Structures are given as C-alpha cells and as structure tokens.
Amino acid sequence: MADKLTWKDTEEIAYALIDTFPDQDPLKLSFPKLHKMVIALEDFGDSPDKSNEAVLESIQMAWYEEVK
C-alpha cells in the first residue's frame, strides 16, 4: 500500500484492526484505547489529533460489523 491510512479510511482501518487484533472485541474498547490502537497501526499515517469521538465510533462500528 503506497498511501498511508487516514482517519477518513474507516473501513480500511477496521480491516487493519481485525488483522492486527483478531481476538479483540471492538465493543469492549474505550475510545482512548481504540485511538491508541489505530495510531499504532503500521499503515496509519494521519495526525493523531485529527480524530474525534464520531470518527472513533465509526471505526468501532465498522470493525464490529465485520466480526459479528
């Protein structure tokens, strides 16, 4: 992947989280913990300050929808 993920890449971030944390239940994560997990992804390249609760909730729900 040439381009790094940004906060707008909700679905792609969800897939990366599934691959990186396959045993994690996304609904049991706090938003601060989810934020740390996203910015720790190898392919993530956006500013940590650009997220907010709505963005994190979108990522959490996309992740949940894929694993439920």
Protein backbone atom coordinates (compact mmCIF):
# COMPACT_ATOMS: atom_id res chain seq x y z
CA MET A 1 0.00 0.00 0.00
CA ALA A 2 1.62 3.22 -1.11
CA ASP A 3 -0.71 5.62 0.69
CA LYS A 4 -0.94 5.69 4.46
CA LEU A 5 -4.34 5.36 6.12
CA THR A 6 -6.08 8.48 7.39
CA TRP A 7 -8.97 8.93 9.79
CA LYS A 8 -11.32 9.05 6.78
CA ASP A 9 -10.42 5.45 5.86
CA THR A 10 -12.89 3.93 8.32
CA GLU A 11 -13.37 0.57 6.58
CA GLU A 12 -9.69 0.09 5.81
CA ILE A 13 -8.76 0.90 9.42
CA ALA A 14 -11.36 -1.61 10.62
CA TYR A 15 -9.83 -4.33 8.41
CA ALA A 16 -6.33 -3.47 9.64
CA LEU A 17 -7.50 -3.69 13.24
CA ILE A 18 -9.13 -7.07 12.58
CA ASP A 19 -5.85 -8.35 11.13
CA THR A 20 -3.73 -6.87 13.91
CA PHE A 21 -6.01 -7.64 16.86
CA PRO A 22 -8.04 -10.70 15.77
CA ASP A 23 -9.18 -11.66 19.28
CA GLN A 24 -10.26 -8.18 20.38
CA ASP A 25 -13.96 -7.40 20.85
CA PRO A 26 -14.35 -3.87 19.42
CA LEU A 27 -17.36 -3.15 21.64
CA LYS A 28 -15.26 -3.66 24.77
CA LEU A 29 -12.79 -0.92 23.86
CA SER A 30 -12.77 2.57 25.28
CA PHE A 31 -12.26 5.33 22.72
CA PRO A 32 -8.83 6.25 24.19
CA LYS A 33 -7.71 2.61 23.82
CA LEU A 34 -9.12 2.39 20.26
CA HIS A 35 -7.34 5.66 19.40
CA LYS A 36 -4.01 4.20 20.58
CA MET A 37 -4.59 1.02 18.58
CA VAL A 38 -5.36 2.95 15.38
CA ILE A 39 -2.34 5.24 15.57
CA ALA A 40 -0.13 2.21 16.29
CA LEU A 41 -1.14 0.52 13.02
CA GLU A 42 1.81 0.18 10.66
CA ASP A 43 -0.11 1.63 7.70
CA PHE A 44 -1.61 4.56 9.62
CA GLY A 45 -0.14 7.93 8.71
CA ASP A 46 -2.54 10.67 9.79
CA SER A 47 -2.17 13.11 12.66
CA PRO A 48 -3.34 11.63 15.98
CA ASP A 49 -5.02 14.96 16.74
CA LYS A 50 -7.42 14.74 13.79
CA SER A 51 -9.69 12.13 15.36
CA ASN A 52 -12.76 12.70 17.49
CA GLU A 53 -15.42 10.60 19.16
CA ALA A 54 -17.54 10.37 16.00
CA VAL A 55 -14.58 9.13 13.93
CA LEU A 56 -13.65 6.54 16.55
CA GLU A 57 -17.26 5.38 16.83
CA SER A 58 -17.42 4.94 13.04
CA ILE A 59 -14.26 2.81 13.13
CA GLN A 60 -15.58 0.80 16.07
CA MET A 61 -18.89 0.12 14.32
CA ALA A 62 -17.21 -0.82 11.02
CA TRP A 63 -14.99 -3.25 12.94
CA TYR A 64 -17.99 -4.68 14.80
CA GLU A 65 -19.99 -5.13 11.60
CA GLU A 66 -17.15 -7.15 10.07
CA VAL A 67 -16.67 -9.50 13.02
CA LYS A 68 -20.21 -10.01 14.34
